[in-house]
Protein backbone atom coordinates (compact mmCIF):
# COMPACT_ATOMS: atom_id res chain seq x y z
CA MET A 1 17.61 -14.55 14.05
CA LYS A 2 16.24 -17.81 15.38
CA ASN A 3 18.09 -21.07 14.95
CA THR A 4 16.59 -23.44 12.41
CA PRO A 5 15.99 -26.92 13.84
CA LYS A 6 18.04 -29.65 12.10
CA TYR A 7 14.90 -31.30 10.66
CA ASP A 8 13.88 -28.00 8.99
CA ARG A 9 17.22 -27.43 7.27
CA ILE A 10 17.39 -27.91 3.53
CA GLU A 11 19.98 -30.51 2.57
CA THR A 12 20.41 -32.24 -0.77
CA HIS A 13 23.04 -34.56 -2.20
CA GLU A 14 24.42 -31.68 -4.27
CA SER A 15 24.65 -29.37 -1.24
CA MET A 16 26.73 -31.90 0.69
CA GLU A 17 29.43 -32.29 -2.01
CA SER A 18 32.62 -30.49 -1.02
CA ASN A 19 33.83 -29.66 -4.56
CA ILE A 20 30.88 -27.35 -5.35
CA PRO A 21 31.35 -23.63 -4.48
CA SER A 22 29.28 -22.51 -1.48
CA LYS A 23 27.21 -19.97 -3.46
CA GLU A 24 26.23 -22.70 -5.94
CA LYS A 25 25.35 -25.03 -3.03
CA ILE A 26 22.95 -22.46 -1.65
CA VAL A 27 21.26 -22.01 -5.04
CA LYS A 28 20.90 -25.79 -5.48
CA LYS A 29 19.48 -26.20 -1.97
CA LEU A 30 16.88 -23.48 -2.47
CA THR A 31 15.96 -24.73 -5.95
CA HIS A 32 15.46 -28.23 -4.58
CA HIS A 33 13.37 -26.88 -1.68
CA ILE A 34 11.10 -24.87 -3.97
CA LYS A 35 10.61 -27.73 -6.46
CA ASP A 36 9.90 -30.15 -3.60
CA SER A 37 7.30 -27.80 -2.16
CA PHE A 38 5.51 -27.53 -5.52
CA LYS A 39 5.49 -31.33 -5.88
CA ARG A 40 4.13 -31.91 -2.36
CA THR A 41 1.59 -29.08 -2.01
CA GLY A 42 1.23 -27.47 -5.44
CA GLU A 43 2.17 -24.12 -3.88
CA CYS A 44 5.36 -22.18 -3.38
CA PRO A 45 6.97 -22.45 0.06
CA SER A 46 6.62 -19.64 2.57
CA THR A 47 9.51 -17.20 2.42
CA THR A 48 12.24 -17.69 5.01
CA VAL A 49 15.50 -15.95 5.84
CA GLU A 50 17.35 -18.71 3.94
CA PHE A 51 16.01 -17.28 0.67
CA TYR A 52 18.03 -14.06 1.07
CA ARG A 53 21.57 -12.79 1.48
CA VAL A 54 21.91 -9.49 3.32
CA GLY A 55 23.89 -6.98 1.30
CA LYS A 56 25.11 -3.46 1.79
CA ILE A 57 23.29 -0.85 3.87
CA LEU A 58 21.10 1.37 1.69
CA GLY A 59 20.11 3.77 4.45
CA LYS A 60 19.73 4.40 8.17
CA GLY A 61 16.88 6.03 10.02
CA ALA A 62 15.29 6.47 13.41
CA PHE A 63 13.66 3.02 13.28
CA GLY A 64 16.59 1.00 11.92
CA LYS A 65 18.65 0.21 8.84
CA VAL A 66 17.60 -0.74 5.32
CA ASN A 67 19.78 -3.37 3.67
CA LEU A 68 19.92 -4.69 0.13
CA ALA A 69 18.83 -8.35 0.17
């Protein structure tokens, strides 16, 4: 996975507060990013790895693994 440059990271006031659980911070950051994209361009943002959490392995094969995301 490539490193995201600092200027491309999604940060909001809510995501920086320490009293909010980390899962809720992620949801707020992504919600803010999507709303901001619609305001600026009128379109949804392109999908990035930040939109997903990798879950359990569903299967393995000759070409790799399939994970729940």
